[in-house]
C-alpha atoms as a PDB file:
ATOM      1  CA  MET A   1      76.803 110.869 108.229  1.00  0.00           C
ATOM      2  CA  ARG A   2      79.693 110.161 110.683  1.00  0.00           C
ATOM      3  CA  VAL A   3      82.492 108.456 109.725  1.00  0.00           C
ATOM      4  CA  ALA A   4      85.607 106.797 111.294  1.00  0.00           C
ATOM      5  CA  PHE A   5      88.522 104.593 110.122  1.00  0.00           C
ATOM      6  CA  VAL A   6      90.217 102.735 112.422  1.00  0.00           C
ATOM      7  CA  GLY A   7      92.760  99.147 112.235  1.00  0.00           C
ATOM      8  CA  LYS A   8      96.331  98.174 113.365  1.00  0.00           C
ATOM      9  CA  GLY A   9      98.915 100.830 112.649  1.00  0.00           C
ATOM     10  CA  GLY A  10      99.713 100.662 109.252  1.00  0.00           C
ATOM     11  CA  SER A  11      97.052  98.909 107.833  1.00  0.00           C
ATOM     12  CA  GLY A  12      95.935 101.995 105.792  1.00  0.00           C
ATOM     13  CA  LYS A  13      93.384 103.630 107.059  1.00  0.00           C
ATOM     14  CA  THR A  14      94.495 106.949 105.971  1.00  0.00           C
ATOM     15  CA  THR A  15      94.825 106.122 102.872  1.00  0.00           C
ATOM     16  CA  LEU A  16      90.796 105.012 102.767  1.00  0.00           C
ATOM     17  CA  SER A  17      89.667 107.981 104.625  1.00  0.00           C
ATOM     18  CA  ALA A  18      91.986 110.026 101.934  1.00  0.00           C
ATOM     19  CA  LEU A  19      90.127 108.283  99.086  1.00  0.00           C
ATOM     20  CA  PHE A  20      86.780 107.878 100.743  1.00  0.00           C
ATOM     21  CA  SER A  21      86.643 111.578 101.584  1.00  0.00           C
ATOM     22  CA  ARG A  22      87.494 112.490  98.421  1.00  0.00           C
ATOM     23  CA  HIS A  23      85.122 110.206  97.269  1.00  0.00           C
ATOM     24  CA  LEU A  24      82.152 111.754  98.335  1.00  0.00           C
ATOM     25  CA  ALA A  25      83.414 115.024  97.609  1.00  0.00           C
ATOM     26  CA  ARG A  26      84.138 114.333  93.966  1.00  0.00           C
ATOM     27  CA  SER A  27      80.372 113.704  93.717  1.00  0.00           C
ATOM     28  CA  GLY A  28      79.816 116.781  95.561  1.00  0.00           C
ATOM     29  CA  ALA A  29      78.861 115.592  98.588  1.00  0.00           C
ATOM     30  CA  PRO A  30      78.836 117.905 101.666  1.00  0.00           C
ATOM     31  CA  VAL A  31      81.955 116.502 103.306  1.00  0.00           C
ATOM     32  CA  VAL A  32      84.606 117.283 105.874  1.00  0.00           C
ATOM     33  CA  ALA A  33      87.386 115.510 106.721  1.00  0.00           C
ATOM     34  CA  ILE A  34      89.431 115.529 110.521  1.00  0.00           C
ATOM     35  CA  ASP A  35      92.576 113.853 110.978  1.00  0.00           C
ATOM     36  CA  GLY A  36      92.699 112.622 114.787  1.00  0.00           C
ATOM     37  CA  ASP A  37      95.386 110.450 113.887  1.00  0.00           C
ATOM     38  CA  ILE A  38      98.447 111.415 116.473  1.00  0.00           C
ATOM     39  CA  ASN A  39     100.734 111.530 113.109  1.00  0.00           C
ATOM     40  CA  GLN A  40      98.744 113.058 111.290  1.00  0.00           C
ATOM     41  CA  HIS A  41      99.606 112.585 107.501  1.00  0.00           C
ATOM     42  CA  LEU A  42      96.358 113.288 105.817  1.00  0.00           C
ATOM     43  CA  ALA A  43      96.439 116.264 104.631  1.00  0.00           C
ATOM     44  CA  TYR A  44      99.174 113.897 102.593  1.00  0.00           C
ATOM     45  CA  ALA A  45      97.592 111.374 101.764  1.00  0.00           C
ATOM     46  CA  LEU A  46      94.955 113.675 100.368  1.00  0.00           C
ATOM     47  CA  GLY A  47      97.764 115.547  98.113  1.00  0.00           C
ATOM     48  CA  LEU A  48      99.080 118.637 100.062  1.00  0.00           C
ATOM     49  CA  GLY A  49     102.844 118.528  98.523  1.00  0.00           C
ATOM     50  CA  ASP A  50     106.526 119.038  99.769  1.00  0.00           C
ATOM     51  CA  ASP A  51     106.643 121.992  99.117  1.00  0.00           C
ATOM     52  CA  GLU A  52     102.870 123.092 100.094  1.00  0.00           C
ATOM     53  CA  PHE A  53     101.759 124.797 104.099  1.00  0.00           C
ATOM     54  CA  PHE A  54      97.932 123.500 105.707  1.00  0.00           C
ATOM     55  CA  THR A  55      98.290 126.492 107.236  1.00  0.00           C
ATOM     56  CA  ALA A  56      94.490 126.179 109.252  1.00  0.00           C
ATOM     57  CA  PRO A  57      94.929 126.288 113.358  1.00  0.00           C
ATOM     58  CA  PRO A  58      95.199 122.833 114.505  1.00  0.00           C
ATOM     59  CA  LEU A  59      91.229 121.472 116.997  1.00  0.00           C
ATOM     60  CA  SER A  60      93.948 121.206 119.653  1.00  0.00           C
ATOM     61  CA  ALA A  61      95.553 124.586 119.597  1.00  0.00           C
ATOM     62  CA  ARG A  62      92.089 127.007 120.322  1.00  0.00           C
ATOM     63  CA  ILE A  63      90.305 124.251 122.608  1.00  0.00           C
ATOM     64  CA  GLY A  64      89.481 127.539 124.697  1.00  0.00           C
ATOM     65  CA  GLU A  65      87.696 129.038 122.526  1.00  0.00           C
ATOM     66  CA  ILE A  66      86.398 126.439 121.058  1.00  0.00           C
ATOM     67  CA  LYS A  67      84.591 126.186 123.675  1.00  0.00           C
ATOM     68  CA  ASP A  68      83.631 129.852 124.391  1.00  0.00           C
ATOM     69  CA  TYR A  69      81.578 129.536 121.242  1.00  0.00           C
ATOM     70  CA  LEU A  70      80.051 126.134 122.019  1.00  0.00           C
ATOM     71  CA  ARG A  71      78.955 126.776 125.519  1.00  0.00           C
ATOM     72  CA  GLY A  72      76.536 129.619 123.806  1.00  0.00           C
ATOM     73  CA  THR A  73      74.782 130.917 127.096  1.00  0.00           C
ATOM     74  CA  ASN A  74      74.466 127.185 128.338  1.00  0.00           C
ATOM     75  CA  PRO A  75      73.655 128.066 132.485  1.00  0.00           C
ATOM     76  CA  ARG A  76      74.855 124.665 133.166  1.00  0.00           C
ATOM     77  CA  VAL A  77      78.497 125.344 131.684  1.00  0.00           C
ATOM     78  CA  PRO A  78      79.654 128.851 133.525  1.00  0.00           C
ATOM     79  CA  SER A  79      82.535 129.453 131.772  1.00  0.00           C
ATOM     80  CA  ARG A  80      85.259 127.573 129.718  1.00  0.00           C
ATOM     81  CA  ASP A  81      87.049 125.607 132.677  1.00  0.00           C
ATOM     82  CA  ALA A  82      84.175 123.794 133.352  1.00  0.00           C
ATOM     83  CA  MET A  83      83.581 122.237 130.097  1.00  0.00           C
ATOM     84  CA  VAL A  84      85.984 119.007 129.933  1.00  0.00           C
ATOM     85  CA  LYS A  85      86.050 117.534 125.851  1.00  0.00           C
ATOM     86  CA  THR A  86      82.568 114.925 127.358  1.00  0.00           C
ATOM     87  CA  THR A  87      79.616 117.996 127.932  1.00  0.00           C
ATOM     88  CA  PRO A  88      76.830 118.040 125.978  1.00  0.00           C
ATOM     89  CA  PRO A  89      75.301 120.778 124.175  1.00  0.00           C
ATOM     90  CA  GLY A  90      72.154 121.720 126.113  1.00  0.00           C
ATOM     91  CA  ARG A  91      69.450 124.830 126.239  1.00  0.00           C
ATOM     92  CA  GLY A  92      71.887 127.617 125.362  1.00  0.00           C
ATOM     93  CA  SER A  93      75.119 125.089 123.700  1.00  0.00           C
ATOM     94  CA  ARG A  94      75.361 127.229 119.854  1.00  0.00           C
ATOM     95  CA  LEU A  95      74.779 123.635 118.226  1.00  0.00           C
ATOM     96  CA  LEU A  96      76.784 122.935 114.386  1.00  0.00           C
ATOM     97  CA  ARG A  97      75.899 122.636 109.972  1.00  0.00           C
ATOM     98  CA  LEU A  98      78.621 120.578 108.553  1.00  0.00           C
ATOM     99  CA  LEU A  99      81.034 123.218 106.496  1.00  0.00           C
ATOM    100  CA  GLY A 100      78.202 126.390 108.284  1.00  0.00           C
ATOM    101  CA  GLU A 101      79.240 129.900 109.262  1.00  0.00           C
ATOM    102  CA  ASP A 102      80.205 129.082 112.730  1.00  0.00           C
ATOM    103  CA  GLU A 103      83.653 130.317 114.022  1.00  0.00           C
ATOM    104  CA  VAL A 104      84.494 126.619 113.743  1.00  0.00           C
ATOM    105  CA  HIS A 105      84.951 125.647 110.879  1.00  0.00           C
ATOM    106  CA  SER A 106      85.453 129.110 109.666  1.00  0.00           C
ATOM    107  CA  ARG A 107      89.069 128.833 111.645  1.00  0.00           C
ATOM    108  CA  HIS A 108      90.039 125.581 111.386  1.00  0.00           C
ATOM    109  CA  VAL A 109      89.119 124.045 107.944  1.00  0.00           C
ATOM    110  CA  GLN A 110      90.991 124.341 104.741  1.00  0.00           C
ATOM    111  CA  GLU A 111      90.548 122.484 101.453  1.00  0.00           C
ATOM    112  CA  VAL A 112      93.312 120.042 100.405  1.00  0.00           C
ATOM    113  CA  ASP A 113      92.523 118.904  96.529  1.00  0.00           C
ATOM    114  CA  GLY A 114      88.855 119.547  97.036  1.00  0.00           C
ATOM    115  CA  VAL A 115      88.581 118.032 100.590  1.00  0.00           C
ATOM    116  CA  PRO A 116      87.983 120.424 103.239  1.00  0.00           C
ATOM    117  CA  LEU A 117      89.944 119.722 105.925  1.00  0.00           C
ATOM    118  CA  MET A 118      90.318 119.809 110.051  1.00  0.00           C
ATOM    119  CA  VAL A 119      93.267 118.101 111.621  1.00  0.00           C
ATOM    120  CA  THR A 120      93.338 117.845 115.915  1.00  0.00           C
ATOM    121  CA  GLY A 121      97.424 118.864 115.454  1.00  0.00           C
ATOM    122  CA  ALA A 122     100.408 117.172 116.150  1.00  0.00           C
ATOM    123  CA  PHE A 123     102.283 116.922 119.990  1.00  0.00           C
ATOM    124  CA  ASP A 124     104.399 120.296 120.257  1.00  0.00           C
ATOM    125  CA  GLU A 125     108.077 120.423 123.360  1.00  0.00           C
ATOM    126  CA  ARG A 126     105.116 120.588 126.331  1.00  0.00           C
ATOM    127  CA  ASP A 127     103.515 117.822 125.511  1.00  0.00           C
ATOM    128  CA  LEU A 128     106.652 115.564 125.806  1.00  0.00           C
ATOM    129  CA  GLY A 129     106.337 113.095 128.773  1.00  0.00           C
ATOM    130  CA  VAL A 130     103.379 114.654 130.429  1.00  0.00           C
ATOM    131  CA  ALA A 131      99.898 114.198 127.943  1.00  0.00           C
ATOM    132  CA  CYS A 132      98.536 111.737 125.976  1.00  0.00           C
ATOM    133  CA  TYR A 133      97.218 112.255 122.508  1.00  0.00           C
ATOM    134  CA  HIS A 134      93.942 112.227 123.615  1.00  0.00           C
ATOM    135  CA  SER A 135      93.497 115.617 125.840  1.00  0.00           C
ATOM    136  CA  LYS A 136      93.757 116.449 122.114  1.00  0.00           C
ATOM    137  CA  LEU A 137      91.508 114.589 120.106  1.00  0.00           C
ATOM    138  CA  GLY A 138      89.072 115.934 123.023  1.00  0.00           C
ATOM    139  CA  ALA A 139      87.474 119.226 120.869  1.00  0.00           C
ATOM    140  CA  VAL A 140      87.329 116.449 118.084  1.00  0.00           C
ATOM    141  CA  GLU A 141      84.606 114.984 120.596  1.00  0.00           C
ATOM    142  CA  LEU A 142      83.271 118.200 121.702  1.00  0.00           C
ATOM    143  CA  TYR A 143      83.134 119.181 117.601  1.00  0.00           C
ATOM    144  CA  LEU A 144      80.968 116.257 117.276  1.00  0.00           C
ATOM    145  CA  ASN A 145      79.151 116.237 120.299  1.00  0.00           C
ATOM    146  CA  HIS A 146      77.054 119.529 119.017  1.00  0.00           C
ATOM    147  CA  LEU A 147      77.875 118.842 115.527  1.00  0.00           C
ATOM    148  CA  VAL A 148      73.799 118.374 113.913  1.00  0.00           C
ATOM    149  CA  ASP A 149      74.743 116.354 110.539  1.00  0.00           C
ATOM    150  CA  GLY A 150      71.871 115.835 108.127  1.00  0.00           C
ATOM    151  CA  PRO A 151      71.107 113.352 105.502  1.00  0.00           C
ATOM    152  CA  GLY A 152      73.726 113.393 103.066  1.00  0.00           C
ATOM    153  CA  GLU A 153      76.633 114.732 105.030  1.00  0.00           C
ATOM    154  CA  TYR A 154      79.807 112.709 105.776  1.00  0.00           C
ATOM    155  CA  VAL A 155      82.305 113.705 108.694  1.00  0.00           C
ATOM    156  CA  VAL A 156      85.304 111.409 107.733  1.00  0.00           C
ATOM    157  CA  VAL A 157      87.281 110.480 110.705  1.00  0.00           C
ATOM    158  CA  ASP A 158      91.071 109.187 110.260  1.00  0.00           C
ATOM    159  CA  MET A 159      91.254 107.705 114.031  1.00  0.00           C
ATOM    160  CA  THR A 160      94.359 106.850 116.024  1.00  0.00           C
ATOM    161  CA  ALA A 161      95.847 102.842 115.415  1.00  0.00           C
ATOM    162  CA  GLY A 162      94.779  99.785 117.305  1.00  0.00           C
ATOM    163  CA  ALA A 163      92.229 100.234 120.143  1.00  0.00           C
ATOM    164  CA  ASP A 164      93.715 103.208 121.960  1.00  0.00           C
ATOM    165  CA  ALA A 165      90.523 104.356 120.309  1.00  0.00           C
ATOM    166  CA  PHE A 166      89.348 103.564 123.191  1.00  0.00           C
ATOM    167  CA  ALA A 167      90.713 104.989 125.624  1.00  0.00           C
ATOM    168  CA  SER A 168      88.081 108.058 125.414  1.00  0.00           C
ATOM    169  CA  GLY A 169      84.159 107.718 124.730  1.00  0.00           C
ATOM    170  CA  LEU A 170      85.134 109.469 120.764  1.00  0.00           C
ATOM    171  CA  PHE A 171      84.297 105.394 119.610  1.00  0.00           C
ATOM    172  CA  THR A 172      80.535 106.367 120.011  1.00  0.00           C
ATOM    173  CA  ARG A 173      80.467 109.705 117.668  1.00  0.00           C
ATOM    174  CA  PHE A 174      79.505 107.536 115.525  1.00  0.00           C
ATOM    175  CA  ASP A 175      77.324 106.215 112.656  1.00  0.00           C
ATOM    176  CA  MET A 176      79.594 103.504 111.236  1.00  0.00           C
ATOM    177  CA  THR A 177      83.366 102.827 111.976  1.00  0.00           C
ATOM    178  CA  PHE A 178      85.267 101.094 109.287  1.00  0.00           C
ATOM    179  CA  LEU A 179      87.705  98.537 110.523  1.00  0.00           C
ATOM    180  CA  VAL A 180      90.588  98.473 108.081  1.00  0.00           C
ATOM    181  CA  VAL A 181      91.550  94.342 107.938  1.00  0.00           C
ATOM    182  CA  GLU A 182      95.044  92.844 106.199  1.00  0.00           C
ATOM    183  CA  PRO A 183      94.844  89.212 105.509  1.00  0.00           C
ATOM    184  CA  THR A 184      97.989  88.766 108.072  1.00  0.00           C
ATOM    185  CA  ARG A 185      97.363  87.057 111.782  1.00  0.00           C
ATOM    186  CA  LYS A 186      98.313  90.822 113.728  1.00  0.00           C
ATOM    187  CA  SER A 187      95.812  92.567 112.141  1.00  0.00           C
ATOM    188  CA  VAL A 188      92.582  90.322 112.349  1.00  0.00           C
ATOM    189  CA  SER A 189      93.899  90.222 116.276  1.00  0.00           C
ATOM    190  CA  VAL A 190      93.355  93.361 115.915  1.00  0.00           C
ATOM    191  CA  TYR A 191      90.123  93.680 114.094  1.00  0.00           C
ATOM    192  CA  ARG A 192      88.512  90.868 117.023  1.00  0.00           C
ATOM    193  CA  GLN A 193      89.579  93.506 120.079  1.00  0.00           C
ATOM    194  CA  TYR A 194      87.941  96.167 118.066  1.00  0.00           C
ATOM    195  CA  ARG A 195      85.002  94.392 117.358  1.00  0.00           C
ATOM    196  CA  ASP A 196      84.315  92.986 120.821  1.00  0.00           C
ATOM    197  CA  HIS A 197      84.983  96.365 122.867  1.00  0.00           C
ATOM    198  CA  ALA A 198      82.346  97.618 120.364  1.00  0.00           C
ATOM    199  CA  ALA A 199      79.901  95.242 120.245  1.00  0.00           C
ATOM    200  CA  ALA A 200      79.349  95.919 124.015  1.00  0.00           C
ATOM    201  CA  PHE A 201      78.538  99.954 122.899  1.00  0.00           C
ATOM    202  CA  GLY A 202      75.842  99.048 120.029  1.00  0.00           C
ATOM    203  CA  VAL A 203      79.266 100.517 117.950  1.00  0.00           C
ATOM    204  CA  PRO A 204      78.471  99.820 113.905  1.00  0.00           C
ATOM    205  CA  VAL A 205      81.442  98.023 112.787  1.00  0.00           C
ATOM    206  CA  ALA A 206      82.404  97.066 108.757  1.00  0.00           C
ATOM    207  CA  VAL A 207      85.424  95.388 107.865  1.00  0.00           C
ATOM    208  CA  VAL A 208      86.844  97.004 104.644  1.00  0.00           C
ATOM    209  CA  GLY A 209      90.214  94.996 103.651  1.00  0.00           C
ATOM    210  CA  ASN A 210      92.686  95.819 102.816  1.00  0.00           C
ATOM    211  CA  LYS A 211      96.588  94.792 100.411  1.00  0.00           C
ATOM    212  CA  VAL A 212      95.130  92.285  98.821  1.00  0.00           C
ATOM    213  CA  THR A 213      96.752  90.586  96.309  1.00  0.00           C
ATOM    214  CA  GLY A 214      94.881  87.626  95.439  1.00  0.00           C
ATOM    215  CA  GLU A 215      92.974  84.757  96.207  1.00  0.00           C
ATOM    216  CA  ASP A 216      94.295  83.641  99.255  1.00  0.00           C
ATOM    217  CA  ASP A 217      94.483  86.578 101.168  1.00  0.00           C
ATOM    218  CA  LEU A 218      90.805  87.168 100.225  1.00  0.00           C
ATOM    219  CA  LEU A 219      89.682  83.817 101.364  1.00  0.00           C
ATOM    220  CA  PHE A 220      92.294  84.149 104.920  1.00  0.00           C
ATOM    221  CA  LEU A 221      89.823  87.378 106.081  1.00  0.00           C
ATOM    222  CA  LYS A 222      86.727  85.835 104.864  1.00  0.00           C
ATOM    223  CA  GLU A 223      87.375  82.822 107.011  1.00  0.00           C
ATOM    224  CA  HIS A 224      88.308  85.014 110.031  1.00  0.00           C
ATOM    225  CA  VAL A 225      86.214  88.116 109.415  1.00  0.00           C
ATOM    226  CA  GLY A 226      82.899  86.249 108.058  1.00  0.00           C
ATOM    227  CA  ASP A 227      80.489  88.318 107.336  1.00  0.00           C
ATOM    228  CA  ASP A 228      81.820  91.881 109.192  1.00  0.00           C
ATOM    229  CA  LEU A 229      83.633  91.390 105.075  1.00  0.00           C
ATOM    230  CA  ILE A 230      81.762  94.088 103.198  1.00  0.00           C
ATOM    231  CA  ALA A 231      84.666  94.995 100.887  1.00  0.00           C
ATOM    232  CA  HIS A 232      88.237  95.626  99.776  1.00  0.00           C
ATOM    233  CA  CYS A 233      90.844  96.995  98.250  1.00  0.00           C
ATOM    234  CA  VAL A 234      94.142  95.466  95.879  1.00  0.00           C
ATOM    235  CA  HIS A 235      96.998  97.098  95.162  1.00  0.00           C
ATOM    236  CA  SER A 236      97.015 100.677  93.705  1.00  0.00           C
ATOM    237  CA  SER A 237      99.629 102.336  91.696  1.00  0.00           C
ATOM    238  CA  CYS A 238      97.185 105.253  91.091  1.00  0.00           C
ATOM    239  CA  VAL A 239      97.723 105.549  95.082  1.00  0.00           C
ATOM    240  CA  ARG A 240     101.777 104.799  95.421  1.00  0.00           C
ATOM    241  CA  ALA A 241     102.075 107.215  92.297  1.00  0.00           C
ATOM    242  CA  GLN A 242     100.422 109.854  94.551  1.00  0.00           C
ATOM    243  CA  GLU A 243     102.099 108.676  98.298  1.00  0.00           C
ATOM    244  CA  GLN A 244     105.562 109.035  96.149  1.00  0.00           C
ATOM    245  CA  GLY A 245     104.459 113.175  94.757  1.00  0.00           C
ATOM    246  CA  ARG A 246     103.481 111.766  90.851  1.00  0.00           C
ATOM    247  CA  GLY A 247     100.274 113.248  90.895  1.00  0.00           C
ATOM    248  CA  HIS A 248      96.763 111.973  90.806  1.00  0.00           C
ATOM    249  CA  ALA A 249      96.296 109.737  88.718  1.00  0.00           C
ATOM    250  CA  GLU A 250      92.009 107.411  88.029  1.00  0.00           C
ATOM    251  CA  LEU A 251      91.939 104.849  90.777  1.00  0.00           C
ATOM    252  CA  GLU A 252      91.376 101.992  89.503  1.00  0.00           C
ATOM    253  CA  PRO A 253      87.556  99.995  88.810  1.00  0.00           C
ATOM    254  CA  HIS A 254      87.369  97.447  91.685  1.00  0.00           C
ATOM    255  CA  ASN A 255      88.862  99.890  94.604  1.00  0.00           C
ATOM    256  CA  THR A 256      86.444 102.525  92.841  1.00  0.00           C
ATOM    257  CA  ARG A 257      83.937  99.977  93.002  1.00  0.00           C
ATOM    258  CA  THR A 258      84.970  99.801  96.769  1.00  0.00           C
ATOM    259  CA  LEU A 259      84.463 103.562  97.750  1.00  0.00           C
ATOM    260  CA  ASP A 260      80.638 103.008  96.688  1.00  0.00           C
ATOM    261  CA  ARG A 261      79.739 100.546  98.965  1.00  0.00           C
ATOM    262  CA  LEU A 262      81.432 102.319 101.796  1.00  0.00           C
ATOM    263  CA  ARG A 263      79.302 104.962 101.091  1.00  0.00           C
ATOM    264  CA  ALA A 264      76.859 102.402 100.344  1.00  0.00           C
ATOM    265  CA  ALA A 265      76.828 100.814 104.227  1.00  0.00           C
ATOM    266  CA  VAL A 266      76.947 104.700 105.537  1.00  0.00           C
ATOM    267  CA  ASP A 267      74.098 105.438 103.873  1.00  0.00           C
ATOM    268  CA  ALA A 268      71.408 102.608 104.699  1.00  0.00           C
ATOM    269  CA  ARG A 269      72.489 103.073 108.940  1.00  0.00           C
ATOM    270  CA  PRO A 270      69.303 105.340 110.072  1.00  0.00           C
ATOM    271  CA  LYS A 271      70.045 108.048 112.563  1.00  0.00           C
ATOM    272  CA  ASP A 272      69.210 107.033 116.135  1.00  0.00           C
ATOM    273  CA  TRP A 273      70.065 110.387 117.896  1.00  0.00           C
ATOM    274  CA  ALA A 274      68.230 109.233 120.985  1.00  0.00           C
ATOM    275  CA  ALA A 275      70.809 107.390 121.351  1.00  0.00           C
ATOM    276  CA  PHE A 276      73.806 109.735 120.244  1.00  0.00           C
ATOM    277  CA  GLN A 277      72.650 111.534 122.694  1.00  0.00           C
ATOM    278  CA  GLU A 278      72.638 108.891 126.001  1.00  0.00           C
ATOM    279  CA  CYS A 279      75.765 107.647 124.918  1.00  0.00           C
ATOM    280  CA  ALA A 280      76.998 111.773 124.942  1.00  0.00           C
ATOM    281  CA  VAL A 281      75.547 111.507 128.624  1.00  0.00           C
ATOM    282  CA  GLU A 282      77.185 108.307 129.594  1.00  0.00           C
ATOM    283  CA  PHE A 283      80.549 108.913 129.002  1.00  0.00           C
ATOM    284  CA  HIS A 284      79.957 112.487 129.971  1.00  0.00           C
ATOM    285  CA  LEU A 285      78.891 110.869 133.445  1.00  0.00           C
ATOM    286  CA  ARG A 286      81.749 108.203 133.643  1.00  0.00           C
ATOM    287  CA  ASN A 287      84.606 110.722 132.531  1.00  0.00           C
ATOM    288  CA  ALA A 288      83.141 113.202 135.263  1.00  0.00           C
ATOM    289  CA  THR A 289      83.520 110.031 137.866  1.00  0.00           C
ATOM    290  CA  ALA A 290      87.024 108.848 137.081  1.00  0.00           C
ATOM    291  CA  TRP A 291      88.941 112.600 136.610  1.00  0.00           C
ATOM    292  CA  ALA A 292      86.441 115.369 135.416  1.00  0.00           C
ATOM    293  CA  ASP A 293      85.175 116.513 138.610  1.00  0.00           C
ATOM    294  CA  GLU A 294      88.273 116.733 140.625  1.00  0.00           C
ATOM    295  CA  ALA A 295      90.461 117.879 137.709  1.00  0.00           C
ATOM    296  CA  THR A 296      87.406 121.171 137.552  1.00  0.00           C
ATOM    297  CA  GLY A 297      86.112 120.928 141.272  1.00  0.00           C
ATOM    298  CA  GLN A 298      82.171 121.104 139.895  1.00  0.00           C
ATOM    299  CA  ASP A 299      79.946 118.005 140.094  1.00  0.00           C
ATOM    300  CA  LEU A 300      79.844 118.125 136.208  1.00  0.00           C
ATOM    301  CA  ALA A 301      76.594 116.178 136.355  1.00  0.00           C
ATOM    302  CA  ALA A 302      74.595 119.347 136.795  1.00  0.00           C
ATOM    303  CA  GLN A 303      75.619 120.090 132.747  1.00  0.00           C
ATOM    304  CA  VAL A 304      73.341 116.935 131.253  1.00  0.00           C
ATOM    305  CA  ASP A 305      70.311 118.706 129.864  1.00  0.00           C
ATOM    306  CA  PRO A 306      67.282 116.286 130.770  1.00  0.00           C
ATOM    307  CA  ASP A 307      65.205 118.626 128.200  1.00  0.00           C
ATOM    308  CA  PHE A 308      67.900 118.593 126.110  1.00  0.00           C
ATOM    309  CA  GLN A 309      66.937 116.921 122.599  1.00  0.00           C
ATOM    310  CA  HIS A 310      69.487 116.478 120.398  1.00  0.00           C
ATOM    311  CA  GLY A 311      69.208 116.324 116.425  1.00  0.00           C
ATOM    312  CA  PRO A 312      67.396 118.350 114.178  1.00  0.00           C
ATOM    313  CA  THR A 313      64.887 118.930 116.696  1.00  0.00           C
ATOM    314  CA  ALA A 314      67.813 120.844 118.757  1.00  0.00           C
ATOM    315  CA  LEU A 315      67.587 123.229 115.368  1.00  0.00           C
ATOM    316  CA  THR A 316      64.211 123.998 115.624  1.00  0.00           C
ATOM    317  CA  ALA A 317      63.605 124.724 119.508  1.00  0.00           C
ATOM    318  CA  LEU A 318      66.880 127.487 118.480  1.00  0.00           C
ATOM    319  CA  ALA A 319      65.131 128.685 115.186  1.00  0.00           C
END
């Protein structure tokens, strides 16, 4: 199952992404965390020390090699230059299994406190003033487009802040989106914006209240969020200690129960491969018309394989 954490900047989505990923990993579940936020702080939220380094190359640093690997022998994608971030898989494409023995996972995954992590990569000097961050997030979109995740397997993505996630079709790549909301009017405003955009595409959104300090905060969230609120987190001395580099204490029982509720909500979602592929094709065609046909000099609608069925069926066909 693919899970995204989104929310207003500073709402705590990176912290919750890390807590949820670690919660899953410690239960023995297969999980990959992905840092898809421009600030690239997920490794530190997971526990990477100040004197430690994340050495696995960012996904965006080897986007060309990733494209070559994923396109495989798909005749509809003759070269890496013809492959864009939205290119859907077809017959001949290489599909990925979570933490499988493939070039993507073997090169780009590094464990941080027991959690396998991949990072998108930060801006460098060549990007300043000429590129948007979604050019880097294209590697994550390609990864999710070609991934066949099974029951009890999890991909957890810390996304960009606010409604910026809607600048690409990546927001439709998830089985569950957790919107982290503080008990403030600004945070509720981001919730409403995200909720309305997501509803237009059938994207499931559930709210996690954060930084709740008392009954007034909880009542505020219930008033403004309603039934979308499925759980909330209270102030955590454990998280504060980790953020200050004072090691790992046990998470408070209330916050642990919140993580359990989030996992239950994810596990309750049905996996709909047909809808997933339909969204992938729709946003590929949108991008082809908007910019990609002109950028590549090709008719990228021809990359859509009408006979391809995503999911376990596709793996069986390749066996």
